[in-house]
Amino acid sequence: MTKKTGFFLVCATVLFCAVGSYAQARGSIMGYVFDTNRKPVPRIPVELLNDFNSVVARIRTEDSGRFLFRGLAPGRYVIHALPLGTDLVEQSVDVEITQVGPQQALFEQKDIYLKARTSASPLRNAVVYAQEVPKEAEKLFKDGASDVDGGRVQTGADSLEKAIAIFPTYFAALERLGSLRLVEGKFEPAIENFKRALAVYDRTFDSWYGLAYASYSIRKFSDAASASEKAVSLKPDSVEANLLLGMSNRTLKDLPNAEKALKKAAKLADGSADVHWQLALLYGKDTNRYAEAAKELEKFLELSPDAPNKEDVRKLIKQFKEKAKSIN
């Protein structure tokens, strides 16, 4: 996939696309998530978004890397894989459910092939904060972290929670549990854990970025903007944090700062289709700078030539160019 963040998360990859719906027909989307070596990626969150950029469903891949969404009305959707805590980049793909009869919709398969991150993962930056930790709590933390890394997520989460119960200000356990809850899509508990970690030590990129991502996911955009700004101050070269800051500010209609952050993300990423898509939204939807919007969409297609919605993007480029001419 193209270089994506975090966050992403949550990107509006088909805001300009039309959607068709039929009241009775229902379809399904199934696929597999693979890494750079074509191996399945298990137990990562996969979101399904509609053309209003709303999350329709959120699941996790099975051990085989498979995901399945059922009961879907015909229309266009975006599947968004979020390999948080890994060295893989988030990936979004478009898929369309087409009605084939009065009460029948197609079954669609769409596999996702993740690319390696060119920089460090936005989470798990291993901040070391020295604390005098009770030995029992320290053992529970190490066991819990080992279980999570080994795929025994619930067992690991239980151990982390027990470690925190023994030592409520256990920074490493609070941050790790927050990251785990973020991956699971449990955003409110993630926010609580990250806030508690930050109350102990506030010079940690992971907790600020995690807080920003979770806040954005539940539409607390002011909190997301504040937290992502803190994350950027700690790690100015983070593509993900700058992108999230730009998206948060754009939602809050702070368009100058949104543009500033998105341009910085674009410069840092050196070729991120998602950043150019967000800039196109800013220029085309928010500021009526149609010529610039068209250029950003052209860059988007250059970086993502196999985008499933490429024909719609080409039409939109043409429309923006026509609007730019009419203004001039």
Foldseek 3Di string as FASTA:
>chain_A
DFAADPPDDLFQPQLPDDWDFADAAKEKEKEFEAEPVRQTDFFFKKFKAANNSDTPDIDTAHPRRMDMDTGHTFTKIKIWTHPAPDQWGIDIAMDTWAADDNRYIYYHYDYHYIYGHPDDGQADPPDDDDDDAPPQLVVLQVVLVVCVVVVVNVSSLVSLVVSCVVPVLPLVSLLVNLSSCVRVLVLVSSLVSLVSNCVNPVLDLNSLCSNLSSCVNVPVLVSNLVSLVSNCVNPVLDLRSLQSNLVSCVVVVVLVSSVVSLVSSCVSSVQGLSSLQSVLCSCVPPPLVLQSSLVSLVSSCVRVVPHPCNVVSVVSSVVSVVSNVVVD
